[in-house]
């Protein structure tokens, strides 16, 4: 059974850090491009950062560049989103997703095949 199970998230003060995890089962993460998306209330789901399967290139939205980092541990079949210097505008539900395509991971959500269940991240004092 193909599954992505997320962990992490929660409430953090502005300037703080969080790490989200996304553990895959039923398939090998190495075979997929991976993305992290987020969706704030009343807004569309947006790409945060991603990495392409074929060449390992990464993309990050301008709003998170220098603050968010995507990484994967192939031995654990897990992908991570490290977030630092968090801002109130980072508050959203965060989703990991994987897609079979090899390049240009910064495409729309419908390009992705499997999704995690979502993790709430709230940045507030």
Foldseek 3Di string as FASTA:
>chain_A
DWAWAKDWADEAAQQAKIKMKIAIPPDFQLQWKKWKWWDAPPGDIATAKIAFNAPRDMDGDPVQPPFWDWDDDRVRSMIMIIGGNDDQVVFTWMKMFIANDGDDPRDDPVRTDDMYPTHTHGYHD
